[in-house]
Amino acid sequence: MELSNLQPSLESAPSIKFIEELAIIITAKNLTPTMMSQDFLKFSGIIPQSWELAQQPLLNPSVAQLNFQNGVNIVAQPGNLTISESFSNKTINEAYIAHIASQYIEKLPHAEYQGFSLNPKIIVPIPDNPAAIQYYFTQSLLNQGSWQDIGRGLIQANINLLYQLNEQCQLSVSISQATLQAPQQRPVFAVLFSGKFNYNVATDNQQQTKNRLLQAILSWQRDFRTFREIVSQKFLEQSNLLHPTPESMIFPMGIL
């Protein structure tokens, strides 16, 4: 999915594709992986009956993992549930994860919920120009200095930032270098922007906590668009990172 529909300045590089992913993480004291089976999710109405798995599910006391053919992944570990989805081949209005999260809370209202976070990722591939990524970190994001001249020079950089958006929500942003790998193709270097909207939902009242959780989930599109705008306007607009090339494409792969 391209960000050019959000930021006019990015239209000058229409061939650069942005890989987008989103995860919702719910924490609860008494959440156990063994209850997170495909049958439970379907019979309770949390997911549609028609959904098919993309691979054999994993289910044991330590972790439950279900990967569906539509790109939705559900992973449960003791104390937390992660629902993730890729937006490479769909629009934001076609997303499933917020509905799944809301249904989970509605079907299990008595769980001792403790926290909620929305974790978006935007991956910016930079084909054929790894030096541009190095320059972006050392010149655009950081001030030049002797700290870069240690040994044979800086190899890799990661940057972690934390913002207070309002009384109930903090946003952390991590910027790091990544590598994309597709079968029978050479690796492509990229910049990974990882966000985390961390909501304070815990209260002494179970119903109030549930209401805060549902309200945070309802805000997911606003938060996702906010993160897109932050990446495009605050971190990419003033940089020289984006250079259109005919080889720019979306790789249907994860990060190495």
C-alpha atoms as a PDB file:
ATOM      1  CA  MET A   1       0.000   0.000   0.000  1.00  0.00           C
ATOM      2  CA  GLU A   2       1.315   3.417  -0.905  1.00  0.00           C
ATOM      3  CA  LEU A   3       1.301   6.453   1.372  1.00  0.00           C
ATOM      4  CA  SER A   4       0.940   8.884  -1.542  1.00  0.00           C
ATOM      5  CA  ASN A   5      -2.785   9.221  -0.812  1.00  0.00           C
ATOM      6  CA  LEU A   6      -1.892  10.725   2.563  1.00  0.00           C
ATOM      7  CA  GLN A   7       1.141  12.832   1.730  1.00  0.00           C
ATOM      8  CA  PRO A   8       1.351  14.763  -1.553  1.00  0.00           C
ATOM      9  CA  SER A   9       5.143  15.035  -1.373  1.00  0.00           C
ATOM     10  CA  LEU A  10       5.434  11.261  -1.705  1.00  0.00           C
ATOM     11  CA  GLU A  11       3.738  11.296  -5.101  1.00  0.00           C
ATOM     12  CA  SER A  12       7.106  12.145  -6.627  1.00  0.00           C
ATOM     13  CA  ALA A  13       8.151   8.570  -5.847  1.00  0.00           C
ATOM     14  CA  PRO A  14       5.153   6.507  -7.008  1.00  0.00           C
ATOM     15  CA  SER A  15       7.185   3.347  -7.566  1.00  0.00           C
ATOM     16  CA  ILE A  16       8.172   3.044  -3.919  1.00  0.00           C
ATOM     17  CA  LYS A  17       5.763   0.665  -2.190  1.00  0.00           C
ATOM     18  CA  PHE A  18       5.192   0.620   1.541  1.00  0.00           C
ATOM     19  CA  ILE A  19       4.549  -2.669   3.325  1.00  0.00           C
ATOM     20  CA  GLU A  20       2.111  -2.149   6.190  1.00  0.00           C
ATOM     21  CA  GLU A  21       1.216  -4.431   9.072  1.00  0.00           C
ATOM     22  CA  LEU A  22      -0.895  -3.931  12.170  1.00  0.00           C
ATOM     23  CA  ALA A  23      -1.155  -5.842  15.445  1.00  0.00           C
ATOM     24  CA  ILE A  24      -3.524  -5.525  18.385  1.00  0.00           C
ATOM     25  CA  ILE A  25      -2.218  -6.809  21.722  1.00  0.00           C
ATOM     26  CA  ILE A  26      -4.536  -7.466  24.666  1.00  0.00           C
ATOM     27  CA  THR A  27      -3.159  -8.451  28.067  1.00  0.00           C
ATOM     28  CA  ALA A  28      -5.165 -10.268  30.724  1.00  0.00           C
ATOM     29  CA  LYS A  29      -4.158 -12.089  33.910  1.00  0.00           C
ATOM     30  CA  ASN A  30      -6.012 -15.316  33.270  1.00  0.00           C
ATOM     31  CA  LEU A  31      -5.533 -15.714  29.515  1.00  0.00           C
ATOM     32  CA  THR A  32      -4.303 -19.223  28.644  1.00  0.00           C
ATOM     33  CA  PRO A  33      -3.192 -20.398  25.171  1.00  0.00           C
ATOM     34  CA  THR A  34      -4.936 -23.782  25.360  1.00  0.00           C
ATOM     35  CA  MET A  35      -8.385 -22.170  25.102  1.00  0.00           C
ATOM     36  CA  MET A  36      -7.471 -20.402  21.837  1.00  0.00           C
ATOM     37  CA  SER A  37      -8.374 -23.176  19.420  1.00  0.00           C
ATOM     38  CA  GLN A  38      -9.886 -22.714  15.975  1.00  0.00           C
ATOM     39  CA  ASP A  39     -13.076 -24.461  17.146  1.00  0.00           C
ATOM     40  CA  PHE A  40     -13.470 -22.124  20.114  1.00  0.00           C
ATOM     41  CA  LEU A  41     -12.970 -19.033  17.953  1.00  0.00           C
ATOM     42  CA  LYS A  42     -15.515 -20.222  15.374  1.00  0.00           C
ATOM     43  CA  PHE A  43     -18.148 -21.652  17.725  1.00  0.00           C
ATOM     44  CA  SER A  44     -18.082 -18.522  19.894  1.00  0.00           C
ATOM     45  CA  GLY A  45     -18.504 -16.280  16.849  1.00  0.00           C
ATOM     46  CA  ILE A  46     -15.188 -14.489  17.314  1.00  0.00           C
ATOM     47  CA  ILE A  47     -14.154 -15.416  13.755  1.00  0.00           C
ATOM     48  CA  PRO A  48     -16.387 -16.457  10.818  1.00  0.00           C
ATOM     49  CA  GLN A  49     -17.029 -20.137  10.206  1.00  0.00           C
ATOM     50  CA  SER A  50     -15.705 -19.817   6.639  1.00  0.00           C
ATOM     51  CA  TRP A  51     -12.135 -18.883   7.612  1.00  0.00           C
ATOM     52  CA  GLU A  52      -9.510 -21.439   6.614  1.00  0.00           C
ATOM     53  CA  LEU A  53      -6.067 -21.945   8.083  1.00  0.00           C
ATOM     54  CA  ALA A  54      -2.990 -21.303   5.953  1.00  0.00           C
ATOM     55  CA  GLN A  55      -0.956 -23.892   7.852  1.00  0.00           C
ATOM     56  CA  GLN A  56      -1.210 -26.388  10.683  1.00  0.00           C
ATOM     57  CA  PRO A  57      -2.086 -24.597  13.952  1.00  0.00           C
ATOM     58  CA  LEU A  58       0.127 -24.687  17.016  1.00  0.00           C
ATOM     59  CA  LEU A  59      -1.609 -25.327  20.334  1.00  0.00           C
ATOM     60  CA  ASN A  60       0.090 -26.117  23.654  1.00  0.00           C
ATOM     61  CA  PRO A  61       0.200 -24.657  27.203  1.00  0.00           C
ATOM     62  CA  SER A  62       2.920 -22.166  26.187  1.00  0.00           C
ATOM     63  CA  VAL A  63       1.584 -20.788  22.912  1.00  0.00           C
ATOM     64  CA  ALA A  64      -1.296 -21.016  20.472  1.00  0.00           C
ATOM     65  CA  GLN A  65      -0.749 -19.821  16.909  1.00  0.00           C
ATOM     66  CA  LEU A  66      -3.306 -19.739  14.097  1.00  0.00           C
ATOM     67  CA  ASN A  67      -2.423 -18.301  10.676  1.00  0.00           C
ATOM     68  CA  PHE A  68      -5.378 -17.810   8.337  1.00  0.00           C
ATOM     69  CA  GLN A  69      -5.403 -17.607   4.549  1.00  0.00           C
ATOM     70  CA  ASN A  70      -6.757 -14.045   4.596  1.00  0.00           C
ATOM     71  CA  GLY A  71      -3.583 -12.750   6.276  1.00  0.00           C
ATOM     72  CA  VAL A  72      -4.881 -12.632   9.854  1.00  0.00           C
ATOM     73  CA  ASN A  73      -2.650 -14.240  12.489  1.00  0.00           C
ATOM     74  CA  ILE A  74      -3.662 -14.950  16.090  1.00  0.00           C
ATOM     75  CA  VAL A  75      -1.057 -15.773  18.716  1.00  0.00           C
ATOM     76  CA  ALA A  76      -1.886 -16.402  22.375  1.00  0.00           C
ATOM     77  CA  GLN A  77       0.667 -16.739  25.175  1.00  0.00           C
ATOM     78  CA  PRO A  78       0.094 -16.796  28.930  1.00  0.00           C
ATOM     79  CA  GLY A  79      -1.268 -13.354  29.753  1.00  0.00           C
ATOM     80  CA  ASN A  80      -1.520 -11.849  26.266  1.00  0.00           C
ATOM     81  CA  LEU A  81      -3.268 -12.169  22.926  1.00  0.00           C
ATOM     82  CA  THR A  82      -1.842 -10.780  19.670  1.00  0.00           C
ATOM     83  CA  ILE A  83      -3.994 -10.361  16.555  1.00  0.00           C
ATOM     84  CA  SER A  84      -2.045  -9.191  13.490  1.00  0.00           C
ATOM     85  CA  GLU A  85      -2.808  -8.496   9.845  1.00  0.00           C
ATOM     86  CA  SER A  86      -0.920  -7.414   6.716  1.00  0.00           C
ATOM     87  CA  PHE A  87      -2.266  -4.615   4.539  1.00  0.00           C
ATOM     88  CA  SER A  88      -0.170  -5.347   1.467  1.00  0.00           C
ATOM     89  CA  ASN A  89      -3.182  -6.518  -0.550  1.00  0.00           C
ATOM     90  CA  LYS A  90      -6.115  -4.823   1.176  1.00  0.00           C
ATOM     91  CA  THR A  91      -7.314  -1.413   2.273  1.00  0.00           C
ATOM     92  CA  ILE A  92      -7.724  -0.192   5.826  1.00  0.00           C
ATOM     93  CA  ASN A  93     -11.512  -0.593   5.513  1.00  0.00           C
ATOM     94  CA  GLU A  94     -11.094  -4.304   4.747  1.00  0.00           C
ATOM     95  CA  ALA A  95      -9.272  -5.054   8.005  1.00  0.00           C
ATOM     96  CA  TYR A  96     -10.556  -7.779  10.321  1.00  0.00           C
ATOM     97  CA  ILE A  97      -8.477  -7.472  13.474  1.00  0.00           C
ATOM     98  CA  ALA A  98     -10.466  -4.769  15.295  1.00  0.00           C
ATOM     99  CA  HIS A  99     -13.680  -6.758  14.876  1.00  0.00           C
ATOM    100  CA  ILE A 100     -11.971  -9.919  16.156  1.00  0.00           C
ATOM    101  CA  ALA A 101     -10.579  -8.082  19.191  1.00  0.00           C
ATOM    102  CA  SER A 102     -13.978  -6.546  20.000  1.00  0.00           C
ATOM    103  CA  GLN A 103     -15.725  -9.899  19.636  1.00  0.00           C
ATOM    104  CA  TYR A 104     -13.145 -11.555  21.891  1.00  0.00           C
ATOM    105  CA  ILE A 105     -13.782  -9.025  24.664  1.00  0.00           C
ATOM    106  CA  GLU A 106     -17.564  -9.263  24.248  1.00  0.00           C
ATOM    107  CA  LYS A 107     -17.499 -13.066  24.423  1.00  0.00           C
ATOM    108  CA  LEU A 108     -15.097 -13.111  27.399  1.00  0.00           C
ATOM    109  CA  PRO A 109     -16.159 -10.068  29.451  1.00  0.00           C
ATOM    110  CA  HIS A 110     -14.967 -11.435  32.792  1.00  0.00           C
ATOM    111  CA  ALA A 111     -11.297 -11.817  31.936  1.00  0.00           C
ATOM    112  CA  GLU A 112      -9.050  -9.648  34.109  1.00  0.00           C
ATOM    113  CA  TYR A 113      -7.954  -7.306  31.341  1.00  0.00           C
ATOM    114  CA  GLN A 114      -4.883  -5.215  32.088  1.00  0.00           C
ATOM    115  CA  GLY A 115      -3.639  -3.518  28.945  1.00  0.00           C
ATOM    116  CA  PHE A 116      -4.105  -2.767  25.279  1.00  0.00           C
ATOM    117  CA  SER A 117      -1.723  -1.656  22.542  1.00  0.00           C
ATOM    118  CA  LEU A 118      -2.005  -1.014  18.827  1.00  0.00           C
ATOM    119  CA  ASN A 119       1.251  -1.807  17.015  1.00  0.00           C
ATOM    120  CA  PRO A 120       1.545  -0.578  13.408  1.00  0.00           C
ATOM    121  CA  LYS A 121       4.560  -1.238  11.168  1.00  0.00           C
ATOM    122  CA  ILE A 122       5.554   0.488   7.963  1.00  0.00           C
ATOM    123  CA  ILE A 123       8.418  -0.983   5.955  1.00  0.00           C
ATOM    124  CA  VAL A 124      10.023   1.270   3.331  1.00  0.00           C
ATOM    125  CA  PRO A 125      12.083  -0.758   0.799  1.00  0.00           C
ATOM    126  CA  ILE A 126      15.019   1.071  -0.788  1.00  0.00           C
ATOM    127  CA  PRO A 127      16.178  -1.143  -3.691  1.00  0.00           C
ATOM    128  CA  ASP A 128      19.734  -0.788  -4.990  1.00  0.00           C
ATOM    129  CA  ASN A 129      20.689   1.976  -2.579  1.00  0.00           C
ATOM    130  CA  PRO A 130      21.765   0.731   0.877  1.00  0.00           C
ATOM    131  CA  ALA A 131      23.939   3.833   1.255  1.00  0.00           C
ATOM    132  CA  ALA A 132      20.792   5.968   1.273  1.00  0.00           C
ATOM    133  CA  ILE A 133      19.592   4.133   4.377  1.00  0.00           C
ATOM    134  CA  GLN A 134      22.912   4.699   6.156  1.00  0.00           C
ATOM    135  CA  TYR A 135      22.828   8.367   5.197  1.00  0.00           C
ATOM    136  CA  TYR A 136      19.234   8.664   6.419  1.00  0.00           C
ATOM    137  CA  PHE A 137      20.170   7.484   9.909  1.00  0.00           C
ATOM    138  CA  THR A 138      23.475   9.337  10.261  1.00  0.00           C
ATOM    139  CA  GLN A 139      22.565  12.609   8.549  1.00  0.00           C
ATOM    140  CA  SER A 140      18.759  13.039   8.575  1.00  0.00           C
ATOM    141  CA  LEU A 141      17.833  11.532  11.955  1.00  0.00           C
ATOM    142  CA  LEU A 142      21.071  12.068  13.899  1.00  0.00           C
ATOM    143  CA  ASN A 143      23.639  14.835  14.018  1.00  0.00           C
ATOM    144  CA  GLN A 144      26.995  14.072  12.475  1.00  0.00           C
ATOM    145  CA  GLY A 145      29.751  13.555  15.023  1.00  0.00           C
ATOM    146  CA  SER A 146      32.847  11.616  15.981  1.00  0.00           C
ATOM    147  CA  TRP A 147      30.641   8.909  17.500  1.00  0.00           C
ATOM    148  CA  GLN A 148      30.194   7.687  13.909  1.00  0.00           C
ATOM    149  CA  ASP A 149      33.955   7.179  13.427  1.00  0.00           C
ATOM    150  CA  ILE A 150      34.568   4.187  15.695  1.00  0.00           C
ATOM    151  CA  GLY A 151      36.446   1.254  14.237  1.00  0.00           C
ATOM    152  CA  ARG A 152      35.536   0.967  10.584  1.00  0.00           C
ATOM    153  CA  GLY A 153      32.510   3.198  11.012  1.00  0.00           C
ATOM    154  CA  LEU A 154      28.863   2.809  11.942  1.00  0.00           C
ATOM    155  CA  ILE A 155      27.335  -0.408  10.600  1.00  0.00           C
ATOM    156  CA  GLN A 156      23.765  -0.177  11.797  1.00  0.00           C
ATOM    157  CA  ALA A 157      21.556   2.157  13.812  1.00  0.00           C
ATOM    158  CA  ASN A 158      18.309   1.792  15.750  1.00  0.00           C
ATOM    159  CA  ILE A 159      16.395   4.726  17.193  1.00  0.00           C
ATOM    160  CA  ASN A 160      13.708   4.520  19.906  1.00  0.00           C
ATOM    161  CA  LEU A 161      11.419   7.444  20.687  1.00  0.00           C
ATOM    162  CA  LEU A 162       8.569   7.879  23.179  1.00  0.00           C
ATOM    163  CA  TYR A 163       5.745  10.432  22.947  1.00  0.00           C
ATOM    164  CA  GLN A 164       2.886  11.241  25.327  1.00  0.00           C
ATOM    165  CA  LEU A 165      -0.169  11.731  23.102  1.00  0.00           C
ATOM    166  CA  ASN A 166      -2.723  12.238  25.880  1.00  0.00           C
ATOM    167  CA  GLU A 167      -3.459  11.141  29.440  1.00  0.00           C
ATOM    168  CA  GLN A 168      -4.374   7.596  28.433  1.00  0.00           C
ATOM    169  CA  CYS A 169      -2.055   6.918  25.488  1.00  0.00           C
ATOM    170  CA  GLN A 170       1.683   6.881  24.866  1.00  0.00           C
ATOM    171  CA  LEU A 171       3.226   6.314  21.438  1.00  0.00           C
ATOM    172  CA  SER A 172       6.608   4.678  21.065  1.00  0.00           C
ATOM    173  CA  VAL A 173       8.338   4.757  17.675  1.00  0.00           C
ATOM    174  CA  SER A 174      11.268   2.549  16.747  1.00  0.00           C
ATOM    175  CA  ILE A 175      13.234   3.138  13.521  1.00  0.00           C
ATOM    176  CA  SER A 176      15.610   0.429  12.387  1.00  0.00           C
ATOM    177  CA  GLN A 177      17.264  -1.073   9.338  1.00  0.00           C
ATOM    178  CA  ALA A 178      15.755  -4.229   7.870  1.00  0.00           C
ATOM    179  CA  THR A 179      16.277  -6.641   4.995  1.00  0.00           C
ATOM    180  CA  LEU A 180      13.528  -8.127   2.822  1.00  0.00           C
ATOM    181  CA  GLN A 181      14.033 -11.479   1.143  1.00  0.00           C
ATOM    182  CA  ALA A 182      11.860 -13.071  -1.547  1.00  0.00           C
ATOM    183  CA  PRO A 183      12.469 -16.535  -3.016  1.00  0.00           C
ATOM    184  CA  GLN A 184      15.112 -16.578  -5.762  1.00  0.00           C
ATOM    185  CA  GLN A 185      15.622 -12.840  -5.512  1.00  0.00           C
ATOM    186  CA  ARG A 186      18.407 -10.838  -4.005  1.00  0.00           C
ATOM    187  CA  PRO A 187      17.788  -9.115  -0.632  1.00  0.00           C
ATOM    188  CA  VAL A 188      16.374  -5.611  -0.567  1.00  0.00           C
ATOM    189  CA  PHE A 189      17.385  -3.167   2.164  1.00  0.00           C
ATOM    190  CA  ALA A 190      14.641  -1.242   3.932  1.00  0.00           C
ATOM    191  CA  VAL A 191      13.800   1.052   6.827  1.00  0.00           C
ATOM    192  CA  LEU A 192      11.327  -0.302   9.383  1.00  0.00           C
ATOM    193  CA  PHE A 193       9.112   2.076  11.365  1.00  0.00           C
ATOM    194  CA  SER A 194       7.502   0.270  14.310  1.00  0.00           C
ATOM    195  CA  GLY A 195       4.899   2.015  16.440  1.00  0.00           C
ATOM    196  CA  LYS A 196       3.123   1.160  19.665  1.00  0.00           C
ATOM    197  CA  PHE A 197       0.056   3.043  20.896  1.00  0.00           C
ATOM    198  CA  ASN A 198      -0.010   1.917  24.515  1.00  0.00           C
ATOM    199  CA  TYR A 199      -3.338   2.564  26.273  1.00  0.00           C
ATOM    200  CA  ASN A 200      -3.901   2.727  30.009  1.00  0.00           C
ATOM    201  CA  VAL A 201      -7.145   0.759  30.370  1.00  0.00           C
ATOM    202  CA  ALA A 202      -6.823  -0.937  33.766  1.00  0.00           C
ATOM    203  CA  THR A 203      -9.254   0.197  36.483  1.00  0.00           C
ATOM    204  CA  ASP A 204     -10.731  -1.254  39.670  1.00  0.00           C
ATOM    205  CA  ASN A 205     -14.049  -1.659  37.877  1.00  0.00           C
ATOM    206  CA  GLN A 206     -14.356  -4.566  35.428  1.00  0.00           C
ATOM    207  CA  GLN A 207     -17.033  -2.925  33.307  1.00  0.00           C
ATOM    208  CA  GLN A 208     -15.088   0.325  33.101  1.00  0.00           C
ATOM    209  CA  THR A 209     -11.961  -1.536  32.015  1.00  0.00           C
ATOM    210  CA  LYS A 210     -13.950  -3.347  29.332  1.00  0.00           C
ATOM    211  CA  ASN A 211     -15.406  -0.039  28.102  1.00  0.00           C
ATOM    212  CA  ARG A 212     -11.941   1.512  27.911  1.00  0.00           C
ATOM    213  CA  LEU A 213     -10.690  -1.487  25.953  1.00  0.00           C
ATOM    214  CA  LEU A 214     -13.521  -1.302  23.451  1.00  0.00           C
ATOM    215  CA  GLN A 215     -13.067   2.456  23.088  1.00  0.00           C
ATOM    216  CA  ALA A 216      -9.347   1.989  22.382  1.00  0.00           C
ATOM    217  CA  ILE A 217     -10.143  -0.628  19.747  1.00  0.00           C
ATOM    218  CA  LEU A 218     -12.662   1.713  18.105  1.00  0.00           C
ATOM    219  CA  SER A 219      -9.844   4.267  17.745  1.00  0.00           C
ATOM    220  CA  TRP A 220      -7.649   1.928  15.704  1.00  0.00           C
ATOM    221  CA  GLN A 221      -8.235   3.573  12.298  1.00  0.00           C
ATOM    222  CA  ARG A 222      -7.517   7.014  13.718  1.00  0.00           C
ATOM    223  CA  ASP A 223      -4.316   5.755  15.354  1.00  0.00           C
ATOM    224  CA  PHE A 224      -3.205   3.893  12.226  1.00  0.00           C
ATOM    225  CA  ARG A 225      -3.728   6.981  10.077  1.00  0.00           C
ATOM    226  CA  THR A 226      -1.910   9.071  12.683  1.00  0.00           C
ATOM    227  CA  PHE A 227       1.077   6.729  12.484  1.00  0.00           C
ATOM    228  CA  ARG A 228       1.052   6.868   8.675  1.00  0.00           C
ATOM    229  CA  GLU A 229       1.059  10.662   8.792  1.00  0.00           C
ATOM    230  CA  ILE A 230       3.842  10.747  11.403  1.00  0.00           C
ATOM    231  CA  VAL A 231       6.049   8.489   9.281  1.00  0.00           C
ATOM    232  CA  SER A 232       5.372  10.301   6.017  1.00  0.00           C
ATOM    233  CA  GLN A 233       5.327  13.893   7.279  1.00  0.00           C
ATOM    234  CA  LYS A 234       7.730  13.855  10.235  1.00  0.00           C
ATOM    235  CA  PHE A 235      10.278  11.213   9.233  1.00  0.00           C
ATOM    236  CA  LEU A 236      10.268  10.977   5.430  1.00  0.00           C
ATOM    237  CA  GLU A 237       9.081  14.296   4.002  1.00  0.00           C
ATOM    238  CA  GLN A 238      12.297  16.222   4.654  1.00  0.00           C
ATOM    239  CA  SER A 239      14.676  13.365   3.873  1.00  0.00           C
ATOM    240  CA  ASN A 240      16.234  12.195   0.608  1.00  0.00           C
ATOM    241  CA  LEU A 241      15.496   8.565   1.407  1.00  0.00           C
ATOM    242  CA  LEU A 242      12.901   7.997  -1.304  1.00  0.00           C
ATOM    243  CA  HIS A 243      14.235   7.641  -4.825  1.00  0.00           C
ATOM    244  CA  PRO A 244      11.958   6.057  -7.453  1.00  0.00           C
ATOM    245  CA  THR A 245      13.371   2.989  -9.210  1.00  0.00           C
ATOM    246  CA  PRO A 246      11.678   0.572 -11.627  1.00  0.00           C
ATOM    247  CA  GLU A 247      12.564  -2.341  -9.349  1.00  0.00           C
ATOM    248  CA  SER A 248      10.576  -1.063  -6.349  1.00  0.00           C
ATOM    249  CA  MET A 249       7.949  -3.577  -5.314  1.00  0.00           C
ATOM    250  CA  ILE A 250       6.161  -5.149  -2.371  1.00  0.00           C
ATOM    251  CA  PHE A 251       7.889  -8.321  -1.189  1.00  0.00           C
ATOM    252  CA  PRO A 252       5.457 -10.840   0.364  1.00  0.00           C
ATOM    253  CA  MET A 253       7.961 -11.700   3.040  1.00  0.00           C
ATOM    254  CA  GLY A 254       8.824 -10.890   6.620  1.00  0.00           C
ATOM    255  CA  ILE A 255      11.891  -9.178   7.986  1.00  0.00           C
ATOM    256  CA  LEU A 256      15.155 -11.047   8.254  1.00  0.00           C
END
